[in-house]
Amino acid sequence: MSEEEELPPEAIEEIEKAAEKASKKTRETTRKQPTKKKVKKPSKKAAATPEAAPKPSKAVYKKIKVNFWRTRLHDEELGVHQQLKYQAKTRWFSKHFDIEGVIEEDDAKKYIIGFSKESWEEKPLEEKRLTLRVFTIMEEKVSDSKTAKGGNFKGGFELSVSHSLIQSYEIKHPAPVFIMQVPRTIYLVRVVRGWRLLGTYWAWPLLPEQKDDKLQVVRAKGIVGPGRNYWIYIGDQKIARVDGQVVQKNFEIEIFDPIYAKDKMFIMQLILFGCMCNFMRIAEKMIKQLYKKMKKTATTDYKIPRNELTLFRNPRMMRR
């Protein structure tokens, strides 16, 4: 979290209560291995007809757009007052945060993106810090921030440089690691980069939430070419895609599976992954530089911030 103040115990309790509340809300279907849909083969009689029905395109059950703002004009339009409203509503919106983008679900604006632009863009490469969080959009007309609807923390991630250096040693290539946190669960999720000869490869777990859920691994397989484009797999089934337009700072997400299109945890994880795509190039450059300096000695001068060091804390030794 770098320059941010540490979260008070009340914020941790807030996460635990949200997770407990989410665990009581059951989904219509439990998570299981996605299966390939059976396509009915046309009968010979149907094939013989001159006007056969056109083959349907891949169904999209959920569309998401992650839009980062390209200039500071949006900051000036929003003003400090708007950011103070979010600070007053939730402890998760740090005093160092700027509102830097908006997220749409099915063409409706739903969330804002907050992170410290100064800590990421204005610091030297080896001193950069990144903590990003997503909040529901607040009502504009209500003067009292605490009674206004929206402004709730929905998920976030941070770049863990220390985890990244460990992962880089594991695969012998620079490999950033992002840590996801979603208030629906008390668990942290590590998004790690793997090694591919061509293109990029990322993976993270989709942990069980309900009694009959299975542990699953989500894979993001990069498409070779310009931009940050990924096919999202669970097993050998392609269930979503991320289309990244890095210059415009826009990342479009489509979910092809009707079950996962209703899975709130999976949707938020994809939103956060879409946000990560905006920072991957600089993060890779940063980790590459640090890894190169310690490759032979396995020793680094990187000073781990206290907030990052707590990610290694033994949960069984923590007092509740």
C-alpha atoms as a PDB file:
ATOM      1  CA  MET A   1       0.000   0.000   0.000  1.00  0.00           C
ATOM      2  CA  SER A   2       3.117   2.145   0.139  1.00  0.00           C
ATOM      3  CA  GLU A   3       2.349   5.715   1.136  1.00  0.00           C
ATOM      4  CA  GLU A   4      -1.128   4.885   2.360  1.00  0.00           C
ATOM      5  CA  GLU A   5      -2.009   4.719   6.009  1.00  0.00           C
ATOM      6  CA  GLU A   6      -2.609   1.230   7.330  1.00  0.00           C
ATOM      7  CA  LEU A   7      -6.182   0.064   7.551  1.00  0.00           C
ATOM      8  CA  PRO A   8      -7.657   0.206  11.059  1.00  0.00           C
ATOM      9  CA  PRO A   9      -9.098  -2.942  12.715  1.00  0.00           C
ATOM     10  CA  GLU A  10     -12.611  -1.658  11.919  1.00  0.00           C
ATOM     11  CA  ALA A  11     -11.888  -1.970   8.179  1.00  0.00           C
ATOM     12  CA  ILE A  12     -10.729  -5.553   8.643  1.00  0.00           C
ATOM     13  CA  GLU A  13     -13.903  -6.320  10.586  1.00  0.00           C
ATOM     14  CA  GLU A  14     -15.880  -4.769   7.733  1.00  0.00           C
ATOM     15  CA  ILE A  15     -14.264  -7.249   5.298  1.00  0.00           C
ATOM     16  CA  GLU A  16     -14.979 -10.198   7.602  1.00  0.00           C
ATOM     17  CA  LYS A  17     -18.643  -9.199   7.947  1.00  0.00           C
ATOM     18  CA  ALA A  18     -18.991  -8.746   4.177  1.00  0.00           C
ATOM     19  CA  ALA A  19     -17.420 -12.154   3.592  1.00  0.00           C
ATOM     20  CA  GLU A  20     -19.726 -13.793   6.121  1.00  0.00           C
ATOM     21  CA  LYS A  21     -22.747 -12.124   4.520  1.00  0.00           C
ATOM     22  CA  ALA A  22     -21.656 -13.202   1.020  1.00  0.00           C
ATOM     23  CA  SER A  23     -21.157 -16.802   2.173  1.00  0.00           C
ATOM     24  CA  LYS A  24     -24.842 -16.996   3.166  1.00  0.00           C
ATOM     25  CA  LYS A  25     -25.997 -15.949  -0.305  1.00  0.00           C
ATOM     26  CA  THR A  26     -25.937 -19.052  -2.463  1.00  0.00           C
ATOM     27  CA  ARG A  27     -25.612 -18.994  -6.225  1.00  0.00           C
ATOM     28  CA  GLU A  28     -28.081 -20.827  -8.456  1.00  0.00           C
ATOM     29  CA  THR A  29     -25.369 -23.289  -9.477  1.00  0.00           C
ATOM     30  CA  THR A  30     -22.147 -24.432  -7.850  1.00  0.00           C
ATOM     31  CA  ARG A  31     -18.832 -24.079  -9.637  1.00  0.00           C
ATOM     32  CA  LYS A  32     -17.767 -27.149 -11.537  1.00  0.00           C
ATOM     33  CA  GLN A  33     -15.759 -27.975 -14.616  1.00  0.00           C
ATOM     34  CA  PRO A  34     -17.204 -26.061 -17.584  1.00  0.00           C
ATOM     35  CA  THR A  35     -18.263 -28.387 -20.355  1.00  0.00           C
ATOM     36  CA  LYS A  36     -18.261 -27.873 -24.064  1.00  0.00           C
ATOM     37  CA  LYS A  37     -21.712 -27.209 -25.442  1.00  0.00           C
ATOM     38  CA  LYS A  38     -22.921 -29.889 -27.779  1.00  0.00           C
ATOM     39  CA  VAL A  39     -23.737 -28.545 -31.201  1.00  0.00           C
ATOM     40  CA  LYS A  40     -26.448 -30.429 -33.010  1.00  0.00           C
ATOM     41  CA  LYS A  41     -25.309 -31.632 -36.383  1.00  0.00           C
ATOM     42  CA  PRO A  42     -27.716 -30.665 -39.169  1.00  0.00           C
ATOM     43  CA  SER A  43     -29.542 -33.581 -40.732  1.00  0.00           C
ATOM     44  CA  LYS A  44     -28.827 -34.513 -44.297  1.00  0.00           C
ATOM     45  CA  LYS A  45     -32.271 -33.289 -45.232  1.00  0.00           C
ATOM     46  CA  ALA A  46     -31.628 -29.883 -43.724  1.00  0.00           C
ATOM     47  CA  ALA A  47     -28.203 -29.678 -45.383  1.00  0.00           C
ATOM     48  CA  ALA A  48     -29.795 -30.342 -48.742  1.00  0.00           C
ATOM     49  CA  THR A  49     -32.059 -27.292 -48.496  1.00  0.00           C
ATOM     50  CA  PRO A  50     -30.742 -24.284 -50.456  1.00  0.00           C
ATOM     51  CA  GLU A  51     -31.326 -21.756 -47.627  1.00  0.00           C
ATOM     52  CA  ALA A  52     -29.634 -23.228 -44.533  1.00  0.00           C
ATOM     53  CA  ALA A  53     -29.657 -21.108 -41.348  1.00  0.00           C
ATOM     54  CA  PRO A  54     -26.412 -19.146 -40.793  1.00  0.00           C
ATOM     55  CA  LYS A  55     -24.073 -20.466 -38.091  1.00  0.00           C
ATOM     56  CA  PRO A  56     -24.587 -18.423 -34.895  1.00  0.00           C
ATOM     57  CA  SER A  57     -21.646 -16.431 -33.514  1.00  0.00           C
ATOM     58  CA  LYS A  58     -20.202 -17.083 -30.045  1.00  0.00           C
ATOM     59  CA  ALA A  59     -22.757 -16.074 -27.404  1.00  0.00           C
ATOM     60  CA  VAL A  60     -21.723 -13.290 -25.010  1.00  0.00           C
ATOM     61  CA  TYR A  61     -23.507 -13.349 -21.652  1.00  0.00           C
ATOM     62  CA  LYS A  62     -21.709 -10.446 -19.970  1.00  0.00           C
ATOM     63  CA  LYS A  63     -19.856  -7.389 -21.310  1.00  0.00           C
ATOM     64  CA  ILE A  64     -17.516  -5.277 -19.197  1.00  0.00           C
ATOM     65  CA  LYS A  65     -15.487  -2.173 -20.123  1.00  0.00           C
ATOM     66  CA  VAL A  66     -12.596  -0.914 -18.013  1.00  0.00           C
ATOM     67  CA  ASN A  67     -11.845   2.678 -19.034  1.00  0.00           C
ATOM     68  CA  PHE A  68      -8.826   4.507 -17.615  1.00  0.00           C
ATOM     69  CA  TRP A  69      -8.717   8.239 -18.251  1.00  0.00           C
ATOM     70  CA  ARG A  70      -5.865   9.375 -20.445  1.00  0.00           C
ATOM     71  CA  THR A  71      -5.507  12.973 -19.198  1.00  0.00           C
ATOM     72  CA  ARG A  72      -5.798  14.923 -15.953  1.00  0.00           C
ATOM     73  CA  LEU A  73      -8.777  16.870 -17.334  1.00  0.00           C
ATOM     74  CA  HIS A  74     -11.081  14.365 -15.659  1.00  0.00           C
ATOM     75  CA  ASP A  75      -9.334  15.013 -12.328  1.00  0.00           C
ATOM     76  CA  GLU A  76      -9.990  18.735 -12.701  1.00  0.00           C
ATOM     77  CA  GLU A  77     -13.643  18.148 -13.604  1.00  0.00           C
ATOM     78  CA  LEU A  78     -14.201  15.849 -10.621  1.00  0.00           C
ATOM     79  CA  GLY A  79     -12.304  18.071  -8.215  1.00  0.00           C
ATOM     80  CA  VAL A  80     -11.096  17.335  -4.720  1.00  0.00           C
ATOM     81  CA  HIS A  81     -14.656  17.457  -3.350  1.00  0.00           C
ATOM     82  CA  GLN A  82     -15.707  14.303  -5.202  1.00  0.00           C
ATOM     83  CA  GLN A  83     -12.731  12.355  -3.864  1.00  0.00           C
ATOM     84  CA  LEU A  84     -13.405  13.608  -0.337  1.00  0.00           C
ATOM     85  CA  LYS A  85     -16.927  12.183  -0.615  1.00  0.00           C
ATOM     86  CA  TYR A  86     -15.507   8.717  -1.191  1.00  0.00           C
ATOM     87  CA  GLN A  87     -13.039   9.169   1.678  1.00  0.00           C
ATOM     88  CA  ALA A  88     -15.907  10.103   3.981  1.00  0.00           C
ATOM     89  CA  LYS A  89     -17.918   7.054   2.911  1.00  0.00           C
ATOM     90  CA  THR A  90     -15.287   4.332   3.239  1.00  0.00           C
ATOM     91  CA  ARG A  91     -11.875   3.843   4.843  1.00  0.00           C
ATOM     92  CA  TRP A  92     -10.774   1.919   1.762  1.00  0.00           C
ATOM     93  CA  PHE A  93     -10.541   5.102  -0.316  1.00  0.00           C
ATOM     94  CA  SER A  94      -7.125   6.402   0.768  1.00  0.00           C
ATOM     95  CA  LYS A  95      -6.345  10.110   1.094  1.00  0.00           C
ATOM     96  CA  HIS A  96      -3.596   9.503  -1.503  1.00  0.00           C
ATOM     97  CA  PHE A  97      -6.063   8.122  -4.081  1.00  0.00           C
ATOM     98  CA  ASP A  98      -7.164   9.796  -7.306  1.00  0.00           C
ATOM     99  CA  ILE A  99     -10.250   8.774  -9.274  1.00  0.00           C
ATOM    100  CA  GLU A 100      -8.689   7.590 -12.524  1.00  0.00           C
ATOM    101  CA  GLY A 101     -11.347   5.731 -14.469  1.00  0.00           C
ATOM    102  CA  VAL A 102     -14.750   4.127 -14.691  1.00  0.00           C
ATOM    103  CA  ILE A 103     -16.006   0.564 -15.251  1.00  0.00           C
ATOM    104  CA  GLU A 104     -19.148  -0.372 -17.183  1.00  0.00           C
ATOM    105  CA  GLU A 105     -21.162  -3.577 -16.947  1.00  0.00           C
ATOM    106  CA  ASP A 106     -23.501  -4.271 -19.864  1.00  0.00           C
ATOM    107  CA  ASP A 107     -23.220  -0.614 -21.001  1.00  0.00           C
ATOM    108  CA  ALA A 108     -24.122   0.804 -17.554  1.00  0.00           C
ATOM    109  CA  LYS A 109     -21.528   2.770 -15.554  1.00  0.00           C
ATOM    110  CA  LYS A 110     -21.148   0.908 -12.274  1.00  0.00           C
ATOM    111  CA  TYR A 111     -17.743   1.480 -10.636  1.00  0.00           C
ATOM    112  CA  ILE A 112     -14.965   4.051 -10.329  1.00  0.00           C
ATOM    113  CA  ILE A 113     -11.245   3.217 -10.230  1.00  0.00           C
ATOM    114  CA  GLY A 114      -9.059   4.727  -7.522  1.00  0.00           C
ATOM    115  CA  PHE A 115      -5.283   4.608  -7.047  1.00  0.00           C
ATOM    116  CA  SER A 116      -2.377   6.934  -6.244  1.00  0.00           C
ATOM    117  CA  LYS A 117      -1.202   8.301  -9.569  1.00  0.00           C
ATOM    118  CA  GLU A 118       1.730  10.039  -7.900  1.00  0.00           C
ATOM    119  CA  SER A 119       3.061   6.810  -6.325  1.00  0.00           C
ATOM    120  CA  TRP A 120       2.937   5.014  -9.676  1.00  0.00           C
ATOM    121  CA  GLU A 121       3.661   7.557 -12.394  1.00  0.00           C
ATOM    122  CA  GLU A 122       5.892  10.139 -10.727  1.00  0.00           C
ATOM    123  CA  LYS A 123       8.261   7.930  -8.732  1.00  0.00           C
ATOM    124  CA  PRO A 124      11.531   6.432 -10.083  1.00  0.00           C
ATOM    125  CA  LEU A 125      11.125   2.956 -11.544  1.00  0.00           C
ATOM    126  CA  GLU A 126      12.391   1.016  -8.513  1.00  0.00           C
ATOM    127  CA  GLU A 127      10.352   3.119  -6.064  1.00  0.00           C
ATOM    128  CA  LYS A 128       6.984   2.767  -7.762  1.00  0.00           C
ATOM    129  CA  ARG A 129       4.100   1.458  -5.638  1.00  0.00           C
ATOM    130  CA  LEU A 130       0.687   0.348  -6.845  1.00  0.00           C
ATOM    131  CA  THR A 131      -2.495  -0.246  -4.892  1.00  0.00           C
ATOM    132  CA  LEU A 132      -5.726   0.007  -6.894  1.00  0.00           C
ATOM    133  CA  ARG A 133      -9.296  -0.294  -5.625  1.00  0.00           C
ATOM    134  CA  VAL A 134     -12.735  -0.355  -7.222  1.00  0.00           C
ATOM    135  CA  PHE A 135     -15.791   1.366  -5.692  1.00  0.00           C
ATOM    136  CA  THR A 136     -19.451   1.623  -6.640  1.00  0.00           C
ATOM    137  CA  ILE A 137     -20.363   5.016  -8.108  1.00  0.00           C
ATOM    138  CA  MET A 138     -21.864   7.402  -5.541  1.00  0.00           C
ATOM    139  CA  GLU A 139     -25.043   9.392  -5.930  1.00  0.00           C
ATOM    140  CA  GLU A 140     -24.322  12.932  -7.097  1.00  0.00           C
ATOM    141  CA  LYS A 141     -27.260  14.851  -5.613  1.00  0.00           C
ATOM    142  CA  VAL A 142     -27.028  13.699  -1.997  1.00  0.00           C
ATOM    143  CA  SER A 143     -25.003  16.154   0.122  1.00  0.00           C
ATOM    144  CA  ASP A 144     -24.320  13.765   3.033  1.00  0.00           C
ATOM    145  CA  SER A 145     -21.708  11.249   1.866  1.00  0.00           C
ATOM    146  CA  LYS A 146     -22.489   8.742   4.604  1.00  0.00           C
ATOM    147  CA  THR A 147     -26.170   8.452   3.638  1.00  0.00           C
ATOM    148  CA  ALA A 148     -25.568   8.534  -0.137  1.00  0.00           C
ATOM    149  CA  LYS A 149     -25.905   5.271  -2.028  1.00  0.00           C
ATOM    150  CA  GLY A 150     -22.743   3.837  -3.550  1.00  0.00           C
ATOM    151  CA  GLY A 151     -19.136   4.499  -2.627  1.00  0.00           C
ATOM    152  CA  ASN A 152     -18.645   0.929  -1.405  1.00  0.00           C
ATOM    153  CA  PHE A 153     -15.365  -0.949  -1.781  1.00  0.00           C
ATOM    154  CA  LYS A 154     -15.845  -3.892  -4.170  1.00  0.00           C
ATOM    155  CA  GLY A 155     -12.343  -5.173  -4.821  1.00  0.00           C
ATOM    156  CA  GLY A 156      -8.738  -4.233  -5.367  1.00  0.00           C
ATOM    157  CA  PHE A 157      -5.180  -5.386  -5.898  1.00  0.00           C
ATOM    158  CA  GLU A 158      -1.614  -4.384  -5.227  1.00  0.00           C
ATOM    159  CA  LEU A 159       1.670  -5.151  -6.915  1.00  0.00           C
ATOM    160  CA  SER A 160       3.861  -7.165  -4.526  1.00  0.00           C
ATOM    161  CA  VAL A 161       7.464  -6.592  -5.573  1.00  0.00           C
ATOM    162  CA  SER A 162       8.826  -9.149  -3.084  1.00  0.00           C
ATOM    163  CA  HIS A 163       6.448 -11.891  -4.322  1.00  0.00           C
ATOM    164  CA  SER A 164       7.390 -10.880  -7.884  1.00  0.00           C
ATOM    165  CA  LEU A 165      11.107 -11.391  -7.246  1.00  0.00           C
ATOM    166  CA  ILE A 166      10.448 -14.831  -5.733  1.00  0.00           C
ATOM    167  CA  GLN A 167       8.288 -15.808  -8.727  1.00  0.00           C
ATOM    168  CA  SER A 168      10.982 -14.496 -11.097  1.00  0.00           C
ATOM    169  CA  TYR A 169      13.474 -16.885  -9.521  1.00  0.00           C
ATOM    170  CA  GLU A 170      10.977 -19.703  -9.848  1.00  0.00           C
ATOM    171  CA  ILE A 171      10.517 -19.337 -13.616  1.00  0.00           C
ATOM    172  CA  LYS A 172      13.907 -17.646 -14.338  1.00  0.00           C
ATOM    173  CA  HIS A 173      12.212 -14.698 -16.039  1.00  0.00           C
ATOM    174  CA  PRO A 174      10.832 -11.378 -14.743  1.00  0.00           C
ATOM    175  CA  ALA A 175       7.377 -12.196 -13.374  1.00  0.00           C
ATOM    176  CA  PRO A 176       5.189  -9.600 -11.637  1.00  0.00           C
ATOM    177  CA  VAL A 177       2.769 -10.840  -8.985  1.00  0.00           C
ATOM    178  CA  PHE A 178      -0.433  -8.989  -8.124  1.00  0.00           C
ATOM    179  CA  ILE A 179      -2.431  -9.695  -4.967  1.00  0.00           C
ATOM    180  CA  MET A 180      -6.232  -9.473  -5.296  1.00  0.00           C
ATOM    181  CA  GLN A 181      -8.578  -8.683  -2.442  1.00  0.00           C
ATOM    182  CA  VAL A 182     -12.361  -8.876  -2.747  1.00  0.00           C
ATOM    183  CA  PRO A 183     -14.590  -8.091   0.263  1.00  0.00           C
ATOM    184  CA  ARG A 184     -16.789 -11.114  -0.508  1.00  0.00           C
ATOM    185  CA  THR A 185     -14.015 -13.267   0.985  1.00  0.00           C
ATOM    186  CA  ILE A 186     -11.312 -13.023   3.647  1.00  0.00           C
ATOM    187  CA  TYR A 187      -8.774 -14.693   1.341  1.00  0.00           C
ATOM    188  CA  LEU A 188      -6.086 -13.046  -0.763  1.00  0.00           C
ATOM    189  CA  VAL A 189      -5.617 -14.264  -4.334  1.00  0.00           C
ATOM    190  CA  ARG A 190      -2.210 -14.219  -6.025  1.00  0.00           C
ATOM    191  CA  VAL A 191      -2.197 -13.477  -9.751  1.00  0.00           C
ATOM    192  CA  VAL A 192       1.131 -14.800 -11.043  1.00  0.00           C
ATOM    193  CA  ARG A 193       2.850 -14.660 -14.390  1.00  0.00           C
ATOM    194  CA  GLY A 194       4.094 -17.936 -15.822  1.00  0.00           C
ATOM    195  CA  TRP A 195       6.530 -18.595 -18.656  1.00  0.00           C
ATOM    196  CA  ARG A 196       5.685 -18.984 -22.349  1.00  0.00           C
ATOM    197  CA  LEU A 197       8.040 -18.924 -25.297  1.00  0.00           C
ATOM    198  CA  LEU A 198       5.681 -16.611 -27.188  1.00  0.00           C
ATOM    199  CA  GLY A 199       3.134 -14.340 -25.555  1.00  0.00           C
ATOM    200  CA  THR A 200       2.281 -13.967 -21.885  1.00  0.00           C
ATOM    201  CA  TYR A 201       0.596 -16.265 -19.408  1.00  0.00           C
ATOM    202  CA  TRP A 202      -1.100 -15.526 -16.070  1.00  0.00           C
ATOM    203  CA  ALA A 203      -2.940 -17.704 -13.576  1.00  0.00           C
ATOM    204  CA  TRP A 204      -4.864 -17.374 -10.333  1.00  0.00           C
ATOM    205  CA  PRO A 205      -7.180 -19.568  -8.203  1.00  0.00           C
ATOM    206  CA  LEU A 206     -10.953 -19.353  -8.024  1.00  0.00           C
ATOM    207  CA  LEU A 207     -11.423 -20.518  -4.454  1.00  0.00           C
ATOM    208  CA  PRO A 208     -14.534 -22.362  -3.216  1.00  0.00           C
ATOM    209  CA  GLU A 209     -17.223 -20.134  -1.695  1.00  0.00           C
ATOM    210  CA  GLN A 210     -20.073 -22.600  -1.309  1.00  0.00           C
ATOM    211  CA  LYS A 211     -20.226 -26.121   0.066  1.00  0.00           C
ATOM    212  CA  ASP A 212     -20.079 -27.963  -3.265  1.00  0.00           C
ATOM    213  CA  ASP A 213     -17.707 -25.569  -5.087  1.00  0.00           C
ATOM    214  CA  LYS A 214     -14.479 -26.984  -6.474  1.00  0.00           C
ATOM    215  CA  LEU A 215     -11.065 -25.321  -6.418  1.00  0.00           C
ATOM    216  CA  GLN A 216     -10.411 -24.039  -9.935  1.00  0.00           C
ATOM    217  CA  VAL A 217      -7.495 -22.349 -11.676  1.00  0.00           C
ATOM    218  CA  VAL A 218      -8.169 -19.510 -14.100  1.00  0.00           C
ATOM    219  CA  ARG A 219      -5.638 -19.107 -16.914  1.00  0.00           C
ATOM    220  CA  ALA A 220      -5.152 -15.971 -18.997  1.00  0.00           C
ATOM    221  CA  LYS A 221      -3.321 -16.876 -22.194  1.00  0.00           C
ATOM    222  CA  GLY A 222      -1.947 -13.895 -24.087  1.00  0.00           C
ATOM    223  CA  ILE A 223      -2.642 -13.504 -27.792  1.00  0.00           C
ATOM    224  CA  VAL A 224       0.518 -12.656 -29.723  1.00  0.00           C
ATOM    225  CA  GLY A 225       0.200  -9.169 -31.196  1.00  0.00           C
ATOM    226  CA  PRO A 226      -0.215  -5.521 -30.187  1.00  0.00           C
ATOM    227  CA  GLY A 227      -2.160  -4.619 -27.063  1.00  0.00           C
ATOM    228  CA  ARG A 228      -2.981  -6.715 -24.014  1.00  0.00           C
ATOM    229  CA  ASN A 229      -5.316  -9.375 -25.365  1.00  0.00           C
ATOM    230  CA  TYR A 230      -6.094 -12.580 -23.503  1.00  0.00           C
ATOM    231  CA  TRP A 231      -8.230 -15.687 -23.793  1.00  0.00           C
ATOM    232  CA  ILE A 232      -9.486 -16.769 -20.366  1.00  0.00           C
ATOM    233  CA  TYR A 233      -9.610 -20.523 -19.731  1.00  0.00           C
ATOM    234  CA  ILE A 234     -10.806 -22.856 -17.013  1.00  0.00           C
ATOM    235  CA  GLY A 235      -9.350 -26.214 -17.976  1.00  0.00           C
ATOM    236  CA  ASP A 236      -9.441 -26.480 -21.752  1.00  0.00           C
ATOM    237  CA  GLN A 237     -12.631 -24.428 -22.041  1.00  0.00           C
ATOM    238  CA  LYS A 238     -12.435 -20.859 -23.312  1.00  0.00           C
ATOM    239  CA  ILE A 239     -14.917 -18.939 -21.155  1.00  0.00           C
ATOM    240  CA  ALA A 240     -13.979 -15.265 -21.618  1.00  0.00           C
ATOM    241  CA  ARG A 241     -11.684 -12.839 -23.379  1.00  0.00           C
ATOM    242  CA  VAL A 242      -9.941  -9.545 -22.600  1.00  0.00           C
ATOM    243  CA  ASP A 243      -9.378  -7.125 -25.480  1.00  0.00           C
ATOM    244  CA  GLY A 244      -6.857  -4.511 -24.370  1.00  0.00           C
ATOM    245  CA  GLN A 245      -6.310  -1.222 -26.181  1.00  0.00           C
ATOM    246  CA  VAL A 246      -3.276   0.064 -24.290  1.00  0.00           C
ATOM    247  CA  VAL A 247      -2.986   3.430 -26.080  1.00  0.00           C
ATOM    248  CA  GLN A 248      -6.625   4.292 -25.344  1.00  0.00           C
ATOM    249  CA  LYS A 249      -6.309   2.650 -21.891  1.00  0.00           C
ATOM    250  CA  ASN A 250      -9.531   0.712 -22.513  1.00  0.00           C
ATOM    251  CA  PHE A 251      -9.997  -2.987 -21.778  1.00  0.00           C
ATOM    252  CA  GLU A 252     -13.108  -4.810 -22.973  1.00  0.00           C
ATOM    253  CA  ILE A 253     -14.130  -8.096 -21.352  1.00  0.00           C
ATOM    254  CA  GLU A 254     -16.643 -10.635 -22.656  1.00  0.00           C
ATOM    255  CA  ILE A 255     -17.833 -13.733 -20.794  1.00  0.00           C
ATOM    256  CA  PHE A 256     -19.042 -16.644 -22.931  1.00  0.00           C
ATOM    257  CA  ASP A 257     -20.286 -18.987 -20.203  1.00  0.00           C
ATOM    258  CA  PRO A 258     -23.798 -18.324 -18.758  1.00  0.00           C
ATOM    259  CA  ILE A 259     -22.902 -19.740 -15.317  1.00  0.00           C
ATOM    260  CA  TYR A 260     -19.720 -17.684 -14.870  1.00  0.00           C
ATOM    261  CA  ALA A 261     -21.477 -14.599 -16.252  1.00  0.00           C
ATOM    262  CA  LYS A 262     -23.568 -14.661 -13.047  1.00  0.00           C
ATOM    263  CA  ASP A 263     -20.706 -15.511 -10.689  1.00  0.00           C
ATOM    264  CA  LYS A 264     -19.975 -12.263  -8.805  1.00  0.00           C
ATOM    265  CA  MET A 265     -16.550 -13.368  -7.591  1.00  0.00           C
ATOM    266  CA  PHE A 266     -15.418 -14.437 -11.060  1.00  0.00           C
ATOM    267  CA  ILE A 267     -16.749 -11.200 -12.587  1.00  0.00           C
ATOM    268  CA  MET A 268     -14.871  -9.036 -10.061  1.00  0.00           C
ATOM    269  CA  GLN A 269     -11.689 -11.045 -10.588  1.00  0.00           C
ATOM    270  CA  LEU A 270     -11.930 -10.437 -14.351  1.00  0.00           C
ATOM    271  CA  ILE A 271     -12.551  -6.713 -13.736  1.00  0.00           C
ATOM    272  CA  LEU A 272      -9.435  -6.532 -11.561  1.00  0.00           C
ATOM    273  CA  PHE A 273      -7.417  -8.477 -14.142  1.00  0.00           C
ATOM    274  CA  GLY A 274      -8.593  -6.000 -16.788  1.00  0.00           C
ATOM    275  CA  CYS A 275      -7.334  -3.184 -14.526  1.00  0.00           C
ATOM    276  CA  MET A 276      -3.980  -4.975 -14.093  1.00  0.00           C
ATOM    277  CA  CYS A 277      -3.483  -5.026 -17.861  1.00  0.00           C
ATOM    278  CA  ASN A 278      -3.042  -1.239 -17.758  1.00  0.00           C
ATOM    279  CA  PHE A 279       0.042  -1.592 -15.519  1.00  0.00           C
ATOM    280  CA  MET A 280       1.675  -4.813 -16.725  1.00  0.00           C
ATOM    281  CA  ARG A 281       4.242  -3.277 -19.090  1.00  0.00           C
ATOM    282  CA  ILE A 282       5.727  -0.933 -16.480  1.00  0.00           C
ATOM    283  CA  ALA A 283       5.479  -3.612 -13.767  1.00  0.00           C
ATOM    284  CA  GLU A 284       7.414  -6.073 -15.958  1.00  0.00           C
ATOM    285  CA  LYS A 285      10.070  -3.445 -16.671  1.00  0.00           C
ATOM    286  CA  MET A 286      10.391  -2.674 -12.966  1.00  0.00           C
ATOM    287  CA  ILE A 287      10.697  -6.331 -11.887  1.00  0.00           C
ATOM    288  CA  LYS A 288      13.130  -7.060 -14.727  1.00  0.00           C
ATOM    289  CA  GLN A 289      15.456  -4.328 -13.512  1.00  0.00           C
ATOM    290  CA  LEU A 290      15.358  -5.521  -9.889  1.00  0.00           C
ATOM    291  CA  TYR A 291      15.671  -9.212 -10.838  1.00  0.00           C
ATOM    292  CA  LYS A 292      18.661  -8.531 -13.098  1.00  0.00           C
ATOM    293  CA  LYS A 293      20.564  -6.917 -10.190  1.00  0.00           C
ATOM    294  CA  MET A 294      20.001  -9.896  -7.861  1.00  0.00           C
ATOM    295  CA  LYS A 295      20.089 -12.765 -10.361  1.00  0.00           C
ATOM    296  CA  LYS A 296      23.597 -13.987  -9.437  1.00  0.00           C
ATOM    297  CA  THR A 297      23.609 -13.165  -5.733  1.00  0.00           C
ATOM    298  CA  ALA A 298      19.952 -13.934  -4.856  1.00  0.00           C
ATOM    299  CA  THR A 299      20.184 -10.791  -2.714  1.00  0.00           C
ATOM    300  CA  THR A 300      18.390  -7.517  -3.340  1.00  0.00           C
ATOM    301  CA  ASP A 301      18.662  -3.986  -2.006  1.00  0.00           C
ATOM    302  CA  TYR A 302      14.904  -3.600  -2.400  1.00  0.00           C
ATOM    303  CA  LYS A 303      13.464  -2.503   0.926  1.00  0.00           C
ATOM    304  CA  ILE A 304      10.155  -4.257   1.510  1.00  0.00           C
ATOM    305  CA  PRO A 305       7.514  -1.806   2.806  1.00  0.00           C
ATOM    306  CA  ARG A 306       5.820  -2.906   6.006  1.00  0.00           C
ATOM    307  CA  ASN A 307       2.431  -3.187   4.310  1.00  0.00           C
ATOM    308  CA  GLU A 308       3.899  -5.541   1.721  1.00  0.00           C
ATOM    309  CA  LEU A 309       5.754  -7.559   4.345  1.00  0.00           C
ATOM    310  CA  THR A 310       2.454  -8.295   6.117  1.00  0.00           C
ATOM    311  CA  LEU A 311       1.403 -10.328   3.061  1.00  0.00           C
ATOM    312  CA  PHE A 312       3.860 -12.976   4.305  1.00  0.00           C
ATOM    313  CA  ARG A 313       2.376 -13.002   7.802  1.00  0.00           C
ATOM    314  CA  ASN A 314       1.396 -16.389   9.207  1.00  0.00           C
ATOM    315  CA  PRO A 315      -2.427 -16.270   9.555  1.00  0.00           C
ATOM    316  CA  ARG A 316      -2.343 -18.985  12.222  1.00  0.00           C
ATOM    317  CA  MET A 317      -0.260 -16.730  14.454  1.00  0.00           C
ATOM    318  CA  MET A 318      -2.512 -13.681  14.073  1.00  0.00           C
ATOM    319  CA  ARG A 319      -4.711 -12.672  16.968  1.00  0.00           C
ATOM    320  CA  ARG A 320      -8.366 -12.293  16.179  1.00  0.00           C
END
